[in-house]
């Protein structure tokens, strides 16, 4: 009678109607065991992180290197900051200060989950930094680049931002930390590019001047190298803002994709893996077509192309991770 009115009594002893002490002890022991395993896993990973840098000190060093590089270029060509050139300089100073503060915060960060997420953003950042450096060199020595050389660095950037967010979510199960990992990836990569680009421009002024010859002719300035410095300051200030913004969006998409993939069946993951390349090809085709038409007619093709490519590349890491560990990340029968 009691069990009929109170379903929870089905777990009680049928004769004494009291909770079996051994069962309570076993349940609590199992819960404590699971908690201990989770804490042990996080602790082991945190100890591994302690042995590796999250690049906080490197970012502070990068800011300290970028400031004198900018100062040298301005000192050699003061006309670069006259008139409208002063605004990009002030913007760079403010943004570099913000990047430096972010580096200090990371340097002194001791929370295990935050350090794990930052570590997930550091490795993609180093790869992305090398990609951006290579692209800068190719752009300087190959003025008329084919579309493939233009789009490949962009696609790699989208994929690495998504991978940073996906990897951070897998390790922390936090969307906030996934976004932090993506933004950190952008900060580190952008400083690598900035330090290299300003050093390259100082060492190869004639080459860079030749590359910007048409833009210089339309600018109305008298000193071509001053125009190069002014253009570099403007490009840097835009990159300091746009790169973290792209990273914030794409790392969040990567984390969402990872969360969604982790709950799907193997059949659903394989279906996503078969659809993703089609999305990527369609997006790249739209961008390729946009590149072949007049600039004013490009927006209707550029936006859908970037969106399709971004989603497809953000799914790359979660799908690869799920297929690599099928037993750990997929639940049989999940839709």
Protein backbone atom coordinates (compact mmCIF):
# COMPACT_ATOMS: atom_id res chain seq x y z
CA UNK A 1 0.00 0.00 0.00
CA UNK A 2 2.77 2.43 0.86
CA UNK A 3 4.61 1.70 -2.37
CA UNK A 4 1.44 2.30 -4.38
CA UNK A 5 0.99 5.82 -2.99
CA UNK A 6 4.69 6.73 -2.71
CA UNK A 7 6.70 5.50 -5.72
CA UNK A 8 10.01 6.35 -4.10
CA UNK A 9 9.37 3.55 -1.63
CA UNK A 10 10.10 1.07 -4.41
CA UNK A 11 13.77 1.61 -3.51
CA UNK A 12 13.14 0.60 0.13
CA UNK A 13 13.50 -2.75 1.75
CA UNK A 14 10.21 -4.66 1.04
CA UNK A 15 10.01 -6.08 4.56
CA UNK A 16 11.17 -3.30 6.86
CA UNK A 17 10.17 -0.31 4.66
CA UNK A 18 13.41 1.47 5.58
CA UNK A 19 16.33 2.47 3.40
CA UNK A 20 19.00 -0.16 3.40
CA UNK A 21 22.13 1.33 5.01
CA UNK A 22 24.48 -0.60 2.74
CA UNK A 23 22.74 0.81 -0.34
CA UNK A 24 23.06 4.38 0.94
CA UNK A 25 26.73 3.83 1.69
CA UNK A 26 27.33 2.32 -1.75
CA UNK A 27 25.56 5.16 -3.59
CA UNK A 28 27.48 7.81 -1.69
CA UNK A 29 30.74 5.97 -2.27
CA UNK A 30 30.06 5.81 -6.00
CA UNK A 31 29.26 9.53 -6.16
CA UNK A 32 32.37 10.41 -4.20
CA UNK A 33 34.41 8.14 -6.45
CA UNK A 34 33.12 9.85 -9.58
CA UNK A 35 33.82 13.29 -8.09
CA UNK A 36 37.33 12.22 -7.10
CA UNK A 37 38.01 10.95 -10.63
CA UNK A 38 36.85 14.24 -12.16
CA UNK A 39 38.96 16.29 -9.75
CA UNK A 40 41.94 14.05 -10.37
CA UNK A 41 41.56 14.48 -14.13
CA UNK A 42 41.42 18.27 -13.87
CA UNK A 43 44.37 18.29 -11.46
CA UNK A 44 46.50 16.15 -13.77
CA UNK A 45 45.72 18.37 -16.73
CA UNK A 46 46.39 21.51 -14.67
CA UNK A 47 49.79 20.14 -13.66
CA UNK A 48 50.58 19.48 -17.29
CA UNK A 49 49.54 23.06 -18.11
CA UNK A 50 51.86 24.39 -15.41
CA UNK A 51 54.77 22.88 -17.31
CA UNK A 52 53.80 24.77 -20.46
CA UNK A 53 53.45 28.48 -21.01
CA UNK A 54 50.07 29.97 -21.89
CA UNK A 55 52.06 32.73 -23.70
CA UNK A 56 51.11 35.47 -21.22
CA UNK A 57 54.72 36.56 -20.85
CA UNK A 58 55.24 36.28 -24.62
CA UNK A 59 52.35 38.65 -25.24
CA UNK A 60 53.77 41.19 -22.80
CA UNK A 61 57.13 40.85 -24.57
CA UNK A 62 55.41 41.22 -27.95
CA UNK A 63 53.77 44.47 -26.86
CA UNK A 64 57.11 45.71 -25.53
CA UNK A 65 58.68 44.91 -28.92
CA UNK A 66 55.86 46.37 -31.02
CA UNK A 67 55.99 49.80 -29.37
CA UNK A 68 59.64 50.59 -30.31
CA UNK A 69 59.11 49.18 -33.82
CA UNK A 70 56.24 51.61 -34.34
CA UNK A 71 58.28 54.42 -32.75
CA UNK A 72 61.23 53.81 -35.08
CA UNK A 73 59.03 53.95 -38.16
CA UNK A 74 57.40 57.20 -37.00
CA UNK A 75 60.73 58.77 -36.01
CA UNK A 76 62.18 58.05 -39.46
CA UNK A 77 59.09 59.38 -41.23
CA UNK A 78 57.22 61.93 -39.06
CA UNK A 79 54.85 62.78 -41.93
CA UNK A 80 53.15 59.42 -41.32
CA UNK A 81 51.28 60.78 -38.28
CA UNK A 82 50.42 64.21 -39.61
CA UNK A 83 46.77 65.04 -40.12
CA UNK A 84 44.62 61.93 -40.25
CA UNK A 85 47.61 59.72 -39.39
CA UNK A 86 47.45 60.68 -35.72
CA UNK A 87 44.19 58.79 -35.12
CA UNK A 88 45.54 55.32 -36.10
CA UNK A 89 48.58 55.93 -33.89
CA UNK A 90 46.46 56.72 -30.83
CA UNK A 91 44.24 53.73 -31.57
CA UNK A 92 47.28 51.45 -31.74
CA UNK A 93 48.63 52.77 -28.46
CA UNK A 94 45.32 52.17 -26.68
CA UNK A 95 44.85 48.69 -28.17
CA UNK A 96 48.43 47.65 -27.46
CA UNK A 97 47.90 48.71 -23.86
CA UNK A 98 44.80 46.52 -23.74
CA UNK A 99 46.73 43.60 -25.26
CA UNK A 100 49.48 44.08 -22.69
CA UNK A 101 46.98 44.06 -19.81
CA UNK A 102 45.48 40.87 -21.22
CA UNK A 103 48.95 39.34 -21.29
CA UNK A 104 49.57 40.30 -17.66
CA UNK A 105 46.21 38.81 -16.63
CA UNK A 106 47.05 35.55 -18.38
CA UNK A 107 50.58 35.54 -16.95
CA UNK A 108 49.27 35.66 -13.38
CA UNK A 109 46.23 33.46 -13.98
CA UNK A 110 46.10 30.49 -11.56
CA UNK A 111 42.64 29.02 -12.12
CA UNK A 112 43.09 25.56 -13.55
CA UNK A 113 40.10 25.66 -15.91
CA UNK A 114 41.07 29.08 -17.29
CA UNK A 115 44.65 27.99 -17.89
CA UNK A 116 43.41 24.86 -19.66
CA UNK A 117 41.26 27.01 -21.95
CA UNK A 118 44.11 29.44 -22.61
CA UNK A 119 46.39 26.57 -23.45
CA UNK A 120 43.77 25.42 -25.96
CA UNK A 121 43.98 28.83 -27.62
CA UNK A 122 47.77 29.16 -27.57
CA UNK A 123 48.64 26.29 -29.91
CA UNK A 124 46.24 27.41 -32.67
CA UNK A 125 47.55 30.96 -32.19
CA UNK A 126 51.12 29.90 -32.95
CA UNK A 127 49.99 28.10 -36.10
CA UNK A 128 47.85 31.07 -37.15
CA UNK A 129 50.72 33.48 -36.51
CA UNK A 130 52.94 31.50 -38.88
CA UNK A 131 50.17 31.42 -41.48
CA UNK A 132 49.73 35.20 -41.28
CA UNK A 133 53.49 35.78 -41.49
CA UNK A 134 53.73 33.55 -44.58
CA UNK A 135 50.79 35.36 -46.14
CA UNK A 136 52.44 38.73 -45.51
CA UNK A 137 55.64 37.58 -47.23
CA UNK A 138 53.77 36.13 -50.20
CA UNK A 139 51.69 39.30 -50.52
CA UNK A 140 54.87 41.40 -50.57
CA UNK A 141 56.71 39.36 -53.20
CA UNK A 142 53.75 38.14 -55.30
CA UNK A 143 51.65 41.21 -56.14
CA UNK A 144 49.21 39.40 -58.44
CA UNK A 145 48.26 36.40 -56.33
CA UNK A 146 45.87 33.74 -57.58
CA UNK A 147 42.61 33.36 -55.68
CA UNK A 148 43.87 30.19 -53.97
CA UNK A 149 46.71 32.07 -52.27
CA UNK A 150 44.25 34.73 -51.14
CA UNK A 151 41.58 32.44 -49.71
CA UNK A 152 43.68 29.69 -48.10
CA UNK A 153 45.02 31.87 -45.22
CA UNK A 154 41.49 33.14 -44.57
CA UNK A 155 40.08 29.61 -44.40
CA UNK A 156 42.89 28.50 -42.10
CA UNK A 157 42.16 31.44 -39.80
CA UNK A 158 38.46 30.53 -39.64
CA UNK A 159 39.29 26.88 -38.94
CA UNK A 160 41.80 27.68 -36.19
CA UNK A 161 39.45 30.05 -34.37
CA UNK A 162 36.73 27.40 -34.45
CA UNK A 163 39.16 24.71 -33.31
CA UNK A 164 40.31 26.86 -30.38
CA UNK A 165 36.74 27.24 -29.14
CA UNK A 166 35.91 23.58 -29.72
CA UNK A 167 39.01 22.29 -27.94
CA UNK A 168 38.48 24.61 -24.97
CA UNK A 169 34.84 23.53 -24.62
CA UNK A 170 35.78 19.84 -24.72
CA UNK A 171 38.20 20.35 -21.83
CA UNK A 172 36.18 22.76 -19.68
CA UNK A 173 32.52 22.40 -20.78
CA UNK A 174 32.29 26.20 -20.60
CA UNK A 175 31.19 28.44 -23.47
CA UNK A 176 32.70 31.48 -21.75
CA UNK A 177 36.12 29.84 -21.53
CA UNK A 178 35.79 28.68 -25.13
CA UNK A 179 35.32 32.30 -26.24
CA UNK A 180 38.25 33.37 -24.06
CA UNK A 181 40.41 30.74 -25.78
CA UNK A 182 39.41 32.07 -29.20
CA UNK A 183 40.10 35.69 -28.29
CA UNK A 184 43.45 34.71 -26.77
CA UNK A 185 44.28 32.90 -30.02
CA UNK A 186 43.59 36.12 -31.96
CA UNK A 187 45.66 38.27 -29.58
CA UNK A 188 48.75 36.07 -29.79
CA UNK A 189 48.51 35.63 -33.57
CA UNK A 190 47.95 39.35 -34.16
CA UNK A 191 51.03 40.31 -32.13
CA UNK A 192 53.14 37.80 -34.05
CA UNK A 193 51.98 39.34 -37.32
CA UNK A 194 52.42 42.93 -36.11
CA UNK A 195 56.00 42.47 -34.89
CA UNK A 196 56.99 40.66 -38.07
CA UNK A 197 55.21 43.08 -40.42
CA UNK A 198 56.76 46.22 -38.91
CA UNK A 199 60.20 44.59 -38.86
CA UNK A 200 59.74 43.46 -42.47
CA UNK A 201 58.61 46.92 -43.57
CA UNK A 202 61.67 48.53 -41.96
CA UNK A 203 64.01 46.03 -43.59
CA UNK A 204 62.39 46.03 -47.04
CA UNK A 205 61.06 49.55 -47.44
CA UNK A 206 61.63 49.62 -51.21
CA UNK A 207 59.70 46.39 -51.72
CA UNK A 208 56.75 47.57 -49.64
CA UNK A 209 56.80 50.96 -51.37
CA UNK A 210 56.55 49.22 -54.74
CA UNK A 211 53.66 47.11 -53.50
CA UNK A 212 51.69 50.23 -52.42
CA UNK A 213 52.68 52.40 -55.38
CA UNK A 214 49.16 52.84 -56.78
CA UNK A 215 47.62 53.57 -53.38
CA UNK A 216 50.40 56.10 -52.68
CA UNK A 217 49.75 57.90 -55.97
CA UNK A 218 46.10 58.35 -55.01
CA UNK A 219 46.86 59.45 -51.42
CA UNK A 220 48.30 62.91 -52.20
CA UNK A 221 51.25 62.39 -49.83
CA UNK A 222 54.83 63.34 -50.81
CA UNK A 223 56.84 60.72 -48.88
CA UNK A 224 56.12 57.16 -50.07
CA UNK A 225 57.66 55.53 -46.99
CA UNK A 226 55.65 57.80 -44.71
CA UNK A 227 52.58 56.54 -46.56
CA UNK A 228 53.73 52.96 -45.92
CA UNK A 229 54.04 53.65 -42.17
CA UNK A 230 50.65 55.38 -42.09
CA UNK A 231 49.04 52.49 -43.98
CA UNK A 232 50.66 49.98 -41.60
CA UNK A 233 49.33 51.83 -38.55
CA UNK A 234 45.83 51.90 -40.01
CA UNK A 235 45.93 48.20 -40.93
CA UNK A 236 47.25 47.29 -37.46
CA UNK A 237 44.50 49.23 -35.65
CA UNK A 238 41.85 47.50 -37.76
CA UNK A 239 43.41 44.07 -37.18
CA UNK A 240 43.61 44.62 -33.42
CA UNK A 241 39.82 45.02 -33.35
CA UNK A 242 38.65 42.71 -36.11
CA UNK A 243 40.71 39.64 -35.27
CA UNK A 244 39.38 39.25 -31.70
CA UNK A 245 35.85 40.00 -32.95
CA UNK A 246 36.08 37.22 -35.56
CA UNK A 247 37.64 34.93 -32.98
CA UNK A 248 34.88 35.61 -30.46
CA UNK A 249 32.18 34.63 -32.96
CA UNK A 250 33.96 31.63 -34.49
CA UNK A 251 35.15 30.16 -31.19
CA UNK A 252 31.58 30.34 -29.89
CA UNK A 253 30.36 28.59 -33.05
CA UNK A 254 33.07 25.95 -32.58
CA UNK A 255 32.02 25.41 -28.97
CA UNK A 256 28.35 25.11 -29.99
CA UNK A 257 29.28 22.62 -32.69
CA UNK A 258 31.33 20.60 -30.22
CA UNK A 259 28.46 20.58 -27.70
CA UNK A 260 26.01 19.46 -30.38
CA UNK A 261 28.30 16.79 -31.85
CA UNK A 262 29.07 15.33 -28.42
CA UNK A 263 25.40 14.34 -27.99
CA UNK A 264 24.86 12.81 -31.42
CA UNK A 265 25.03 9.22 -32.59
CA UNK A 266 27.82 8.00 -34.80
CA UNK A 267 25.45 7.98 -37.79
CA UNK A 268 24.59 11.65 -37.20
CA UNK A 269 28.28 12.56 -36.93
CA UNK A 270 29.04 10.74 -40.19
CA UNK A 271 26.15 12.58 -41.84
CA UNK A 272 27.53 15.90 -40.62
CA UNK A 273 30.98 14.89 -41.89
CA UNK A 274 29.54 14.25 -45.35
CA UNK A 275 27.58 17.54 -45.49
CA UNK A 276 30.37 19.76 -44.16
CA UNK A 277 32.62 19.55 -47.27
CA UNK A 278 29.66 20.51 -49.47
CA UNK A 279 29.04 23.57 -47.32
CA UNK A 280 32.73 24.51 -47.53
CA UNK A 281 32.88 24.08 -51.31
CA UNK A 282 29.70 26.13 -51.77
CA UNK A 283 31.06 28.92 -49.56
CA UNK A 284 34.41 29.02 -51.36
CA UNK A 285 32.65 28.99 -54.75
CA UNK A 286 30.56 32.00 -53.69
CA UNK A 287 33.69 33.86 -52.59
CA UNK A 288 35.49 32.95 -55.80
CA UNK A 289 32.62 34.29 -57.88
CA UNK A 290 32.52 37.47 -55.78
CA UNK A 291 36.23 37.95 -56.45
CA UNK A 292 35.58 37.94 -60.21
CA UNK A 293 32.90 40.67 -60.32
CA UNK A 294 32.80 44.38 -59.55
CA UNK A 295 33.32 45.37 -55.92
CA UNK A 296 29.89 47.00 -55.61
CA UNK A 297 28.17 43.73 -56.59
CA UNK A 298 30.13 41.50 -54.19
CA UNK A 299 28.28 41.77 -50.81
CA UNK A 300 25.37 39.40 -51.71
CA UNK A 301 27.91 36.67 -52.43
CA UNK A 302 30.59 37.50 -49.84
CA UNK A 303 28.39 37.31 -46.74
CA UNK A 304 26.75 33.92 -47.51
CA UNK A 305 30.11 32.55 -48.65
CA UNK A 306 31.88 33.59 -45.44
CA UNK A 307 29.00 32.26 -43.31
CA UNK A 308 28.92 28.85 -45.02
CA UNK A 309 32.71 28.51 -44.88
CA UNK A 310 32.80 29.58 -41.23
CA UNK A 311 30.17 27.07 -40.11
CA UNK A 312 31.75 24.27 -42.14
CA UNK A 313 35.24 24.92 -40.77
CA UNK A 314 33.92 25.30 -37.22
CA UNK A 315 32.44 21.80 -37.49
CA UNK A 316 35.80 20.38 -38.55
CA UNK A 317 37.43 19.95 -35.14
CA UNK A 318 34.31 18.62 -33.33
CA UNK A 319 33.70 16.04 -36.08
CA UNK A 320 37.32 14.94 -36.13
CA UNK A 321 37.39 14.72 -32.34
CA UNK A 322 34.16 12.72 -32.23
CA UNK A 323 35.29 10.26 -34.90
CA UNK A 324 38.66 9.88 -33.20
CA UNK A 325 37.03 8.97 -29.86
CA UNK A 326 33.72 7.36 -30.80
CA UNK A 327 33.16 5.58 -27.52
CA UNK A 328 33.83 8.65 -25.37
CA UNK A 329 31.85 11.30 -27.22
CA UNK A 330 28.84 9.61 -28.80
CA UNK A 331 25.81 8.07 -27.24
CA UNK A 332 24.18 5.18 -29.09
CA UNK A 333 20.72 5.99 -30.29
CA UNK A 334 21.04 9.76 -29.74
CA UNK A 335 19.40 11.74 -32.50
